[in-house]
Amino acid sequence: MRALAGWLLRLGGWRYHMPPPPCKRYVLIGAPHTSNWDFFVGILALWALGIRARWLGKKELFRPPLGWLLTLMGGIPVDRSRRKGLVDQVAAILREREVAILITPEGTRGKAPYWRTGFYYMALKAGVPIALGYADFRRKEVGIGGYLWPTGDLKRDFAAIRAFYQDKVGLRPEKQGPIRIREEEEEVA
């Protein structure tokens, strides 16, 4: 599967890379997230790079007939109407298993006013790094650009995350929202 995924990416003109992870457990964020194609390019990159990641997706995606396939591909259905406890649940999974968990911090393919910060607190609570995953459609590059160990200073760590993603372009750039946290969104208003 690894060779086939790499071949398909190269066939599409994509380059992919990943520096070795500092440990076997991490939160992998994927951005920008502006199209359903992000999923396919991202899954191929995970396979090509040999990353066995689980990923969070809205529960509506897991309905028949494709729900079983998405679960087999590492999907974990999330009920977005129930916001309580997800951070603690994922942090517990990361503490118990050697696994990467993929999350899209924008939370939607549409233009979001800010990034959700659950990924940050999952990594912080689990004591694992955040892998900066990306799919840059302008350059046709996909992979992991580096790792950030959360310090507990969200604003400082988020500035480093923002600096990394500032030049990454999704398939539909008009759907790319600003890279900021909710508090910054409120300060701008």
N, C-alpha and C. Protein backbone atom coordinates (compact mmCIF):
# COMPACT_ATOMS: atom_id res chain seq x y z
N MET A 1 0.83 -1.20 0.00
CA MET A 1 0.00 0.00 0.00
C MET A 1 0.87 1.26 0.00
N ARG A 2 1.99 1.19 0.74
CA ARG A 2 2.88 2.35 0.83
C ARG A 2 3.42 2.73 -0.55
N ALA A 3 3.89 1.75 -1.29
CA ALA A 3 4.45 2.01 -2.62
C ALA A 3 3.37 2.51 -3.58
N LEU A 4 2.18 1.91 -3.52
CA LEU A 4 1.08 2.33 -4.40
C LEU A 4 0.66 3.77 -4.10
N ALA A 5 0.55 4.11 -2.83
CA ALA A 5 0.16 5.47 -2.46
C ALA A 5 1.21 6.48 -2.93
N GLY A 6 2.48 6.15 -2.75
CA GLY A 6 3.55 7.03 -3.21
C GLY A 6 3.52 7.21 -4.72
N TRP A 7 3.28 6.11 -5.43
CA TRP A 7 3.20 6.17 -6.89
C TRP A 7 2.04 7.05 -7.34
N LEU A 8 0.87 6.91 -6.69
CA LEU A 8 -0.30 7.73 -7.04
C LEU A 8 -0.03 9.21 -6.78
N LEU A 9 0.61 9.52 -5.68
CA LEU A 9 0.94 10.92 -5.40
C LEU A 9 1.89 11.48 -6.46
N ARG A 10 2.94 10.74 -6.77
CA ARG A 10 3.90 11.19 -7.78
C ARG A 10 3.23 11.33 -9.15
N LEU A 11 2.33 10.39 -9.46
CA LEU A 11 1.59 10.45 -10.72
C LEU A 11 0.80 11.75 -10.81
N GLY A 12 0.25 12.19 -9.68
CA GLY A 12 -0.50 13.44 -9.64
C GLY A 12 0.38 14.67 -9.52
N GLY A 13 1.70 14.48 -9.52
CA GLY A 13 2.62 15.62 -9.44
C GLY A 13 2.94 16.07 -8.03
N TRP A 14 2.56 15.29 -7.03
CA TRP A 14 2.77 15.65 -5.63
C TRP A 14 4.13 15.19 -5.13
N ARG A 15 4.73 16.03 -4.29
CA ARG A 15 5.92 15.65 -3.52
C ARG A 15 5.48 15.49 -2.08
N TYR A 16 6.07 14.55 -1.38
CA TYR A 16 5.70 14.33 0.02
C TYR A 16 6.94 14.06 0.85
N HIS A 17 6.89 14.51 2.09
CA HIS A 17 8.01 14.26 3.00
C HIS A 17 7.57 14.41 4.45
N MET A 18 8.44 13.89 5.32
CA MET A 18 8.18 13.96 6.75
C MET A 18 9.50 13.77 7.49
N PRO A 19 9.85 14.72 8.36
CA PRO A 19 11.01 14.45 9.23
C PRO A 19 10.62 13.37 10.23
N PRO A 20 11.56 12.57 10.67
CA PRO A 20 11.23 11.50 11.62
C PRO A 20 10.54 12.07 12.87
N PRO A 21 9.47 11.44 13.31
CA PRO A 21 8.78 11.93 14.51
C PRO A 21 9.64 11.72 15.76
N PRO A 22 9.53 12.61 16.73
CA PRO A 22 10.31 12.49 17.96
C PRO A 22 9.83 11.34 18.86
N CYS A 23 8.62 10.85 18.61
CA CYS A 23 8.08 9.74 19.38
C CYS A 23 6.95 9.09 18.57
N LYS A 24 6.40 8.00 19.07
CA LYS A 24 5.38 7.26 18.31
C LYS A 24 3.96 7.76 18.59
N ARG A 25 3.81 8.67 19.51
CA ARG A 25 2.50 9.24 19.84
C ARG A 25 2.54 10.73 19.54
N TYR A 26 1.56 11.20 18.77
CA TYR A 26 1.49 12.64 18.52
C TYR A 26 0.12 13.00 17.95
N VAL A 27 -0.20 14.28 18.06
CA VAL A 27 -1.40 14.83 17.42
C VAL A 27 -0.92 15.40 16.09
N LEU A 28 -1.54 14.97 15.02
CA LEU A 28 -1.20 15.42 13.68
C LEU A 28 -2.30 16.35 13.21
N ILE A 29 -1.96 17.62 13.01
CA ILE A 29 -2.98 18.53 12.49
C ILE A 29 -2.81 18.62 10.97
N GLY A 30 -3.92 18.75 10.29
CA GLY A 30 -3.93 18.86 8.84
C GLY A 30 -4.57 20.15 8.40
N ALA A 31 -3.81 20.97 7.68
CA ALA A 31 -4.33 22.25 7.22
C ALA A 31 -3.57 22.65 5.95
N PRO A 32 -4.12 23.50 5.16
CA PRO A 32 -5.49 24.00 5.22
C PRO A 32 -6.49 22.94 4.78
N HIS A 33 -7.72 23.11 5.23
CA HIS A 33 -8.77 22.14 4.92
C HIS A 33 -9.90 22.88 4.20
N THR A 34 -9.85 22.88 2.86
CA THR A 34 -10.81 23.67 2.08
C THR A 34 -11.62 22.86 1.10
N SER A 35 -11.38 21.54 1.04
CA SER A 35 -12.04 20.72 0.03
C SER A 35 -12.05 19.26 0.46
N ASN A 36 -12.94 18.47 -0.12
CA ASN A 36 -12.93 17.02 0.14
C ASN A 36 -11.67 16.37 -0.42
N TRP A 37 -11.02 16.98 -1.39
CA TRP A 37 -9.79 16.44 -1.96
C TRP A 37 -8.67 16.41 -0.93
N ASP A 38 -8.73 17.29 0.07
CA ASP A 38 -7.72 17.28 1.14
C ASP A 38 -7.64 15.90 1.77
N PHE A 39 -8.79 15.29 1.97
CA PHE A 39 -8.85 13.96 2.61
C PHE A 39 -8.09 12.93 1.77
N PHE A 40 -8.36 12.90 0.48
CA PHE A 40 -7.74 11.89 -0.38
C PHE A 40 -6.23 12.10 -0.50
N VAL A 41 -5.81 13.33 -0.69
CA VAL A 41 -4.38 13.62 -0.76
C VAL A 41 -3.73 13.29 0.59
N GLY A 42 -4.40 13.66 1.67
CA GLY A 42 -3.87 13.40 3.01
C GLY A 42 -3.75 11.93 3.33
N ILE A 43 -4.77 11.14 2.99
CA ILE A 43 -4.74 9.70 3.25
C ILE A 43 -3.63 9.04 2.43
N LEU A 44 -3.51 9.42 1.16
CA LEU A 44 -2.43 8.87 0.34
C LEU A 44 -1.06 9.21 0.95
N ALA A 45 -0.92 10.44 1.43
CA ALA A 45 0.35 10.84 2.04
C ALA A 45 0.63 10.04 3.31
N LEU A 46 -0.39 9.83 4.12
CA LEU A 46 -0.20 9.02 5.34
C LEU A 46 0.30 7.63 4.96
N TRP A 47 -0.35 7.03 3.99
CA TRP A 47 0.05 5.68 3.56
C TRP A 47 1.46 5.70 2.97
N ALA A 48 1.75 6.68 2.11
CA ALA A 48 3.06 6.74 1.47
C ALA A 48 4.18 6.96 2.49
N LEU A 49 3.89 7.69 3.55
CA LEU A 49 4.88 7.97 4.58
C LEU A 49 4.93 6.88 5.65
N GLY A 50 4.03 5.92 5.56
CA GLY A 50 4.02 4.83 6.53
C GLY A 50 3.44 5.22 7.88
N ILE A 51 2.58 6.21 7.91
CA ILE A 51 1.97 6.67 9.15
C ILE A 51 0.63 5.96 9.34
N ARG A 52 0.50 5.24 10.42
CA ARG A 52 -0.76 4.58 10.74
C ARG A 52 -1.52 5.49 11.71
N ALA A 53 -2.22 6.45 11.15
CA ALA A 53 -2.92 7.44 11.96
C ALA A 53 -4.40 7.12 12.06
N ARG A 54 -4.94 7.48 13.18
CA ARG A 54 -6.40 7.52 13.34
C ARG A 54 -6.79 8.97 13.08
N TRP A 55 -8.01 9.20 12.67
CA TRP A 55 -8.44 10.57 12.38
C TRP A 55 -9.86 10.78 12.87
N LEU A 56 -10.15 12.00 13.26
CA LEU A 56 -11.47 12.36 13.74
C LEU A 56 -12.29 12.93 12.59
N GLY A 57 -13.54 12.50 12.50
CA GLY A 57 -14.44 13.00 11.47
C GLY A 57 -15.85 13.10 12.01
N LYS A 58 -16.64 13.97 11.43
CA LYS A 58 -18.02 14.12 11.92
C LYS A 58 -18.77 12.81 11.73
N LYS A 59 -19.61 12.49 12.70
CA LYS A 59 -20.28 11.18 12.72
C LYS A 59 -21.13 10.93 11.49
N GLU A 60 -21.60 12.00 10.86
CA GLU A 60 -22.44 11.86 9.67
C GLU A 60 -21.70 11.16 8.52
N LEU A 61 -20.38 11.25 8.50
CA LEU A 61 -19.59 10.59 7.46
C LEU A 61 -19.61 9.07 7.58
N PHE A 62 -19.91 8.57 8.77
CA PHE A 62 -19.76 7.15 9.06
C PHE A 62 -21.05 6.34 8.87
N ARG A 63 -22.01 6.92 8.19
CA ARG A 63 -23.26 6.21 7.89
C ARG A 63 -23.02 5.22 6.76
N PRO A 64 -23.85 4.18 6.68
CA PRO A 64 -23.76 3.24 5.55
C PRO A 64 -24.02 3.99 4.24
N PRO A 65 -23.46 3.60 3.16
CA PRO A 65 -22.72 2.37 2.96
C PRO A 65 -21.22 2.49 3.19
N LEU A 66 -20.67 3.72 3.37
CA LEU A 66 -19.22 3.88 3.45
C LEU A 66 -18.66 3.94 4.87
N GLY A 67 -19.53 3.96 5.86
CA GLY A 67 -19.08 4.10 7.24
C GLY A 67 -18.07 3.05 7.67
N TRP A 68 -18.29 1.81 7.29
CA TRP A 68 -17.38 0.73 7.68
C TRP A 68 -16.00 0.93 7.06
N LEU A 69 -15.97 1.43 5.81
CA LEU A 69 -14.70 1.65 5.12
C LEU A 69 -13.91 2.78 5.80
N LEU A 70 -14.59 3.85 6.17
CA LEU A 70 -13.92 4.97 6.83
C LEU A 70 -13.37 4.55 8.19
N THR A 71 -14.10 3.71 8.89
CA THR A 71 -13.60 3.19 10.17
C THR A 71 -12.37 2.32 9.94
N LEU A 72 -12.41 1.49 8.92
CA LEU A 72 -11.28 0.64 8.57
C LEU A 72 -10.05 1.48 8.20
N MET A 73 -10.29 2.64 7.63
CA MET A 73 -9.20 3.54 7.22
C MET A 73 -8.68 4.38 8.39
N GLY A 74 -9.19 4.13 9.60
CA GLY A 74 -8.69 4.83 10.78
C GLY A 74 -9.62 5.89 11.33
N GLY A 75 -10.80 6.04 10.74
CA GLY A 75 -11.72 7.08 11.18
C GLY A 75 -12.34 6.81 12.54
N ILE A 76 -12.51 7.88 13.31
CA ILE A 76 -13.19 7.85 14.59
C ILE A 76 -14.34 8.85 14.50
N PRO A 77 -15.60 8.37 14.56
CA PRO A 77 -16.72 9.31 14.45
C PRO A 77 -16.84 10.20 15.69
N VAL A 78 -17.12 11.48 15.45
CA VAL A 78 -17.26 12.45 16.53
C VAL A 78 -18.61 13.13 16.40
N ASP A 79 -19.34 13.18 17.50
CA ASP A 79 -20.62 13.90 17.55
C ASP A 79 -20.29 15.34 17.89
N ARG A 80 -20.33 16.22 16.89
CA ARG A 80 -19.92 17.61 17.10
C ARG A 80 -20.93 18.40 17.94
N SER A 81 -22.13 17.86 18.13
CA SER A 81 -23.10 18.56 18.97
C SER A 81 -22.79 18.35 20.46
N ARG A 82 -21.98 17.32 20.78
CA ARG A 82 -21.59 17.04 22.17
C ARG A 82 -20.12 17.40 22.32
N ARG A 83 -19.86 18.57 22.84
CA ARG A 83 -18.49 19.08 22.91
C ARG A 83 -17.76 18.65 24.17
N LYS A 84 -18.45 18.11 25.13
CA LYS A 84 -17.82 17.78 26.41
C LYS A 84 -17.02 16.48 26.33
N GLY A 85 -15.81 16.52 26.84
CA GLY A 85 -15.04 15.31 27.05
C GLY A 85 -14.19 14.81 25.90
N LEU A 86 -14.29 15.37 24.71
CA LEU A 86 -13.53 14.86 23.57
C LEU A 86 -12.02 15.03 23.78
N VAL A 87 -11.60 16.17 24.29
CA VAL A 87 -10.18 16.41 24.53
C VAL A 87 -9.63 15.36 25.48
N ASP A 88 -10.33 15.11 26.58
CA ASP A 88 -9.86 14.11 27.55
C ASP A 88 -9.87 12.70 26.96
N GLN A 89 -10.87 12.38 26.16
CA GLN A 89 -10.93 11.05 25.53
C GLN A 89 -9.74 10.82 24.60
N VAL A 90 -9.45 11.80 23.76
CA VAL A 90 -8.34 11.65 22.81
C VAL A 90 -7.01 11.65 23.56
N ALA A 91 -6.87 12.49 24.59
CA ALA A 91 -5.63 12.49 25.38
C ALA A 91 -5.41 11.12 26.02
N ALA A 92 -6.48 10.50 26.49
CA ALA A 92 -6.37 9.15 27.09
C ALA A 92 -5.92 8.13 26.04
N ILE A 93 -6.47 8.21 24.84
CA ILE A 93 -6.05 7.30 23.76
C ILE A 93 -4.56 7.48 23.48
N LEU A 94 -4.10 8.73 23.43
CA LEU A 94 -2.70 9.02 23.14
C LEU A 94 -1.78 8.53 24.26
N ARG A 95 -2.24 8.57 25.50
CA ARG A 95 -1.42 8.08 26.61
C ARG A 95 -1.34 6.56 26.62
N GLU A 96 -2.42 5.90 26.15
CA GLU A 96 -2.51 4.44 26.22
C GLU A 96 -1.90 3.73 25.01
N ARG A 97 -1.92 4.35 23.85
CA ARG A 97 -1.50 3.67 22.61
C ARG A 97 -0.43 4.46 21.89
N GLU A 98 0.40 3.75 21.14
CA GLU A 98 1.36 4.40 20.26
C GLU A 98 0.65 4.68 18.95
N VAL A 99 0.12 5.90 18.85
CA VAL A 99 -0.73 6.24 17.72
C VAL A 99 -0.60 7.73 17.41
N ALA A 100 -0.83 8.06 16.15
CA ALA A 100 -0.98 9.46 15.74
C ALA A 100 -2.47 9.69 15.52
N ILE A 101 -2.96 10.81 15.98
CA ILE A 101 -4.37 11.18 15.79
C ILE A 101 -4.40 12.43 14.92
N LEU A 102 -5.07 12.33 13.77
CA LEU A 102 -5.17 13.44 12.82
C LEU A 102 -6.43 14.26 13.08
N ILE A 103 -6.25 15.57 13.12
CA ILE A 103 -7.36 16.50 13.36
C ILE A 103 -7.20 17.69 12.42
N THR A 104 -8.32 18.16 11.87
CA THR A 104 -8.28 19.40 11.08
C THR A 104 -8.73 20.54 12.00
N PRO A 105 -7.83 21.43 12.38
CA PRO A 105 -8.17 22.47 13.35
C PRO A 105 -9.18 23.49 12.86
N GLU A 106 -9.35 23.59 11.54
CA GLU A 106 -10.37 24.52 11.04
C GLU A 106 -11.76 23.99 11.32
N GLY A 107 -11.89 22.67 11.45
CA GLY A 107 -13.16 22.06 11.82
C GLY A 107 -14.19 21.99 10.70
N THR A 108 -13.89 22.53 9.54
CA THR A 108 -14.83 22.55 8.43
C THR A 108 -14.07 22.82 7.14
N ARG A 109 -14.71 22.49 6.01
CA ARG A 109 -14.10 22.83 4.73
C ARG A 109 -14.46 24.25 4.32
N GLY A 110 -15.40 24.84 5.02
CA GLY A 110 -15.78 26.22 4.74
C GLY A 110 -14.87 27.19 5.47
N LYS A 111 -15.02 28.46 5.20
CA LYS A 111 -14.18 29.48 5.82
C LYS A 111 -14.58 29.65 7.28
N ALA A 112 -13.67 29.31 8.18
CA ALA A 112 -13.93 29.43 9.61
C ALA A 112 -13.30 30.72 10.13
N PRO A 113 -13.93 31.39 11.10
CA PRO A 113 -13.36 32.64 11.62
C PRO A 113 -12.12 32.44 12.49
N TYR A 114 -11.91 31.22 12.99
CA TYR A 114 -10.76 30.92 13.82
C TYR A 114 -10.54 29.40 13.82
N TRP A 115 -9.39 28.99 14.28
CA TRP A 115 -9.09 27.57 14.43
C TRP A 115 -9.56 27.10 15.79
N ARG A 116 -10.02 25.88 15.84
CA ARG A 116 -10.37 25.26 17.12
C ARG A 116 -9.09 24.82 17.81
N THR A 117 -9.07 24.87 19.11
CA THR A 117 -7.83 24.60 19.84
C THR A 117 -7.83 23.24 20.55
N GLY A 118 -8.83 22.42 20.33
CA GLY A 118 -8.88 21.11 20.98
C GLY A 118 -7.64 20.29 20.72
N PHE A 119 -7.10 20.34 19.49
CA PHE A 119 -5.90 19.58 19.16
C PHE A 119 -4.74 19.95 20.09
N TYR A 120 -4.64 21.24 20.42
CA TYR A 120 -3.56 21.73 21.27
C TYR A 120 -3.68 21.14 22.67
N TYR A 121 -4.89 21.19 23.21
CA TYR A 121 -5.09 20.68 24.57
C TYR A 121 -5.01 19.16 24.64
N MET A 122 -5.36 18.48 23.56
CA MET A 122 -5.18 17.02 23.51
C MET A 122 -3.71 16.68 23.65
N ALA A 123 -2.87 17.36 22.87
CA ALA A 123 -1.43 17.12 22.91
C ALA A 123 -0.84 17.51 24.27
N LEU A 124 -1.25 18.65 24.78
CA LEU A 124 -0.75 19.14 26.07
C LEU A 124 -1.09 18.15 27.19
N LYS A 125 -2.35 17.71 27.25
CA LYS A 125 -2.78 16.78 28.30
C LYS A 125 -2.12 15.42 28.17
N ALA A 126 -1.85 14.99 26.94
CA ALA A 126 -1.24 13.68 26.72
C ALA A 126 0.28 13.74 26.82
N GLY A 127 0.85 14.95 26.81
CA GLY A 127 2.30 15.08 26.86
C GLY A 127 2.98 14.64 25.58
N VAL A 128 2.35 14.95 24.44
CA VAL A 128 2.88 14.53 23.13
C VAL A 128 3.05 15.76 22.24
N PRO A 129 3.86 15.65 21.19
CA PRO A 129 4.04 16.79 20.28
C PRO A 129 2.88 16.92 19.29
N ILE A 130 2.84 18.08 18.66
CA ILE A 130 1.90 18.35 17.58
C ILE A 130 2.70 18.30 16.28
N ALA A 131 2.29 17.42 15.36
CA ALA A 131 2.91 17.33 14.05
C ALA A 131 2.19 18.31 13.12
N LEU A 132 2.94 19.14 12.44
CA LEU A 132 2.37 20.16 11.56
C LEU A 132 2.20 19.58 10.16
N GLY A 133 1.06 18.93 9.95
CA GLY A 133 0.75 18.32 8.66
C GLY A 133 0.10 19.32 7.73
N TYR A 134 0.39 19.19 6.44
CA TYR A 134 -0.13 20.16 5.49
C TYR A 134 -0.31 19.52 4.11
N ALA A 135 -1.19 20.13 3.34
CA ALA A 135 -1.34 19.82 1.91
C ALA A 135 -1.39 21.17 1.21
N ASP A 136 -0.28 21.52 0.57
CA ASP A 136 -0.17 22.80 -0.12
C ASP A 136 -0.45 22.55 -1.60
N PHE A 137 -1.65 22.92 -2.04
CA PHE A 137 -2.06 22.65 -3.41
C PHE A 137 -1.34 23.54 -4.42
N ARG A 138 -0.88 24.70 -4.01
CA ARG A 138 -0.15 25.58 -4.94
C ARG A 138 1.18 24.95 -5.32
N ARG A 139 1.90 24.41 -4.34
CA ARG A 139 3.21 23.80 -4.59
C ARG A 139 3.13 22.30 -4.86
N LYS A 140 1.93 21.72 -4.63
CA LYS A 140 1.74 20.26 -4.74
C LYS A 140 2.70 19.53 -3.81
N GLU A 141 2.70 19.97 -2.56
CA GLU A 141 3.50 19.35 -1.51
C GLU A 141 2.58 18.93 -0.38
N VAL A 142 2.86 17.78 0.18
CA VAL A 142 2.06 17.26 1.29
C VAL A 142 3.00 16.55 2.25
N GLY A 143 2.68 16.64 3.52
CA GLY A 143 3.51 15.94 4.50
C GLY A 143 3.45 16.58 5.86
N ILE A 144 4.54 16.41 6.59
CA ILE A 144 4.68 16.99 7.92
C ILE A 144 5.87 17.93 7.87
N GLY A 145 5.64 19.16 8.29
CA GLY A 145 6.69 20.17 8.22
C GLY A 145 7.52 20.31 9.47
N GLY A 146 7.14 19.64 10.53
CA GLY A 146 7.88 19.73 11.79
C GLY A 146 6.99 19.35 12.95
N TYR A 147 7.54 19.45 14.14
CA TYR A 147 6.83 19.05 15.36
C TYR A 147 6.97 20.15 16.39
N LEU A 148 5.92 20.37 17.14
CA LEU A 148 5.92 21.39 18.18
C LEU A 148 5.46 20.74 19.48
N TRP A 149 6.26 20.86 20.51
CA TRP A 149 5.86 20.38 21.84
C TRP A 149 5.10 21.52 22.50
N PRO A 150 3.83 21.34 22.85
CA PRO A 150 3.08 22.42 23.48
C PRO A 150 3.65 22.75 24.86
N THR A 151 3.77 24.04 25.13
CA THR A 151 4.36 24.51 26.39
C THR A 151 3.30 24.86 27.44
N GLY A 152 2.06 25.02 27.00
CA GLY A 152 1.02 25.52 27.89
C GLY A 152 0.75 26.99 27.65
N ASP A 153 1.61 27.66 26.91
CA ASP A 153 1.42 29.06 26.53
C ASP A 153 0.79 29.06 25.13
N LEU A 154 -0.54 28.98 25.09
CA LEU A 154 -1.26 28.83 23.82
C LEU A 154 -0.91 29.93 22.83
N LYS A 155 -0.89 31.17 23.27
CA LYS A 155 -0.64 32.27 22.33
C LYS A 155 0.76 32.18 21.72
N ARG A 156 1.76 31.87 22.52
CA ARG A 156 3.12 31.77 21.99
C ARG A 156 3.25 30.58 21.04
N ASP A 157 2.72 29.43 21.46
CA ASP A 157 2.79 28.24 20.61
C ASP A 157 1.99 28.43 19.33
N PHE A 158 0.86 29.12 19.44
CA PHE A 158 0.03 29.33 18.25
C PHE A 158 0.71 30.27 17.26
N ALA A 159 1.53 31.20 17.77
CA ALA A 159 2.28 32.08 16.88
C ALA A 159 3.24 31.25 16.02
N ALA A 160 3.85 30.22 16.60
CA ALA A 160 4.75 29.34 15.84
C ALA A 160 3.96 28.53 14.81
N ILE A 161 2.78 28.06 15.20
CA ILE A 161 1.92 27.31 14.27
C ILE A 161 1.50 28.21 13.11
N ARG A 162 1.08 29.41 13.43
CA ARG A 162 0.67 30.38 12.40
C ARG A 162 1.81 30.66 11.43
N ALA A 163 3.02 30.84 11.96
CA ALA A 163 4.18 31.13 11.11
C ALA A 163 4.42 29.98 10.13
N PHE A 164 4.24 28.75 10.58
CA PHE A 164 4.45 27.62 9.68
C PHE A 164 3.41 27.59 8.56
N TYR A 165 2.14 27.79 8.90
CA TYR A 165 1.06 27.63 7.92
C TYR A 165 0.80 28.87 7.07
N GLN A 166 1.41 29.98 7.34
CA GLN A 166 1.05 31.22 6.66
C GLN A 166 1.21 31.17 5.14
N ASP A 167 2.11 30.34 4.62
CA ASP A 167 2.28 30.29 3.17
C ASP A 167 1.70 29.03 2.53
N LYS A 168 0.94 28.24 3.27
CA LYS A 168 0.32 27.03 2.74
C LYS A 168 -1.03 27.40 2.13
N VAL A 169 -1.31 26.85 0.95
CA VAL A 169 -2.52 27.22 0.21
C VAL A 169 -3.35 25.98 -0.08
N GLY A 170 -4.62 26.03 0.31
CA GLY A 170 -5.54 24.93 0.04
C GLY A 170 -6.04 24.93 -1.39
N LEU A 171 -6.76 23.89 -1.76
CA LEU A 171 -7.31 23.79 -3.10
C LEU A 171 -8.24 24.96 -3.40
N ARG A 172 -9.02 25.35 -2.44
CA ARG A 172 -9.95 26.47 -2.60
C ARG A 172 -9.54 27.60 -1.62
N PRO A 173 -8.57 28.42 -2.03
CA PRO A 173 -8.04 29.45 -1.13
C PRO A 173 -9.10 30.40 -0.58
N GLU A 174 -10.17 30.60 -1.34
CA GLU A 174 -11.22 31.50 -0.86
C GLU A 174 -11.94 30.95 0.37
N LYS A 175 -11.78 29.66 0.65
CA LYS A 175 -12.40 29.04 1.82
C LYS A 175 -11.43 28.95 3.00
N GLN A 176 -10.24 29.43 2.82
CA GLN A 176 -9.24 29.41 3.88
C GLN A 176 -9.50 30.56 4.82
N GLY A 177 -9.74 30.24 6.08
CA GLY A 177 -9.95 31.28 7.07
C GLY A 177 -8.64 31.74 7.68
N PRO A 178 -8.70 32.75 8.52
CA PRO A 178 -7.49 33.23 9.18
C PRO A 178 -6.98 32.19 10.18
N ILE A 179 -5.69 32.18 10.38
CA ILE A 179 -5.08 31.25 11.32
C ILE A 179 -4.98 31.97 12.66
N ARG A 180 -6.01 31.86 13.45
CA ARG A 180 -6.02 32.51 14.77
C ARG A 180 -6.93 31.74 15.70
N ILE A 181 -6.78 32.01 16.97
CA ILE A 181 -7.62 31.35 17.98
C ILE A 181 -8.79 32.26 18.31
N ARG A 182 -9.77 31.72 18.98
CA ARG A 182 -11.00 32.46 19.24
C ARG A 182 -10.75 33.78 19.95
N GLU A 183 -9.85 33.82 20.92
CA GLU A 183 -9.59 35.06 21.65
C GLU A 183 -9.09 36.15 20.71
N GLU A 184 -8.26 35.78 19.75
CA GLU A 184 -7.76 36.75 18.77
C GLU A 184 -8.89 37.23 17.88
N GLU A 185 -9.79 36.33 17.55
CA GLU A 185 -10.97 36.68 16.71
C GLU A 185 -11.80 37.72 17.45
N GLU A 186 -11.97 37.57 18.78
CA GLU A 186 -12.76 38.51 19.57
C GLU A 186 -12.05 39.85 19.70
N GLU A 187 -10.70 39.83 19.79
CA GLU A 187 -9.93 41.06 19.88
C GLU A 187 -10.05 41.89 18.61
N VAL A 188 -10.13 41.24 17.45
CA VAL A 188 -10.23 41.92 16.16
C VAL A 188 -11.59 42.59 16.00
N ALA A 189 -12.65 41.94 16.51
CA ALA A 189 -14.03 42.43 16.34
C ALA A 189 -14.31 43.72 17.06
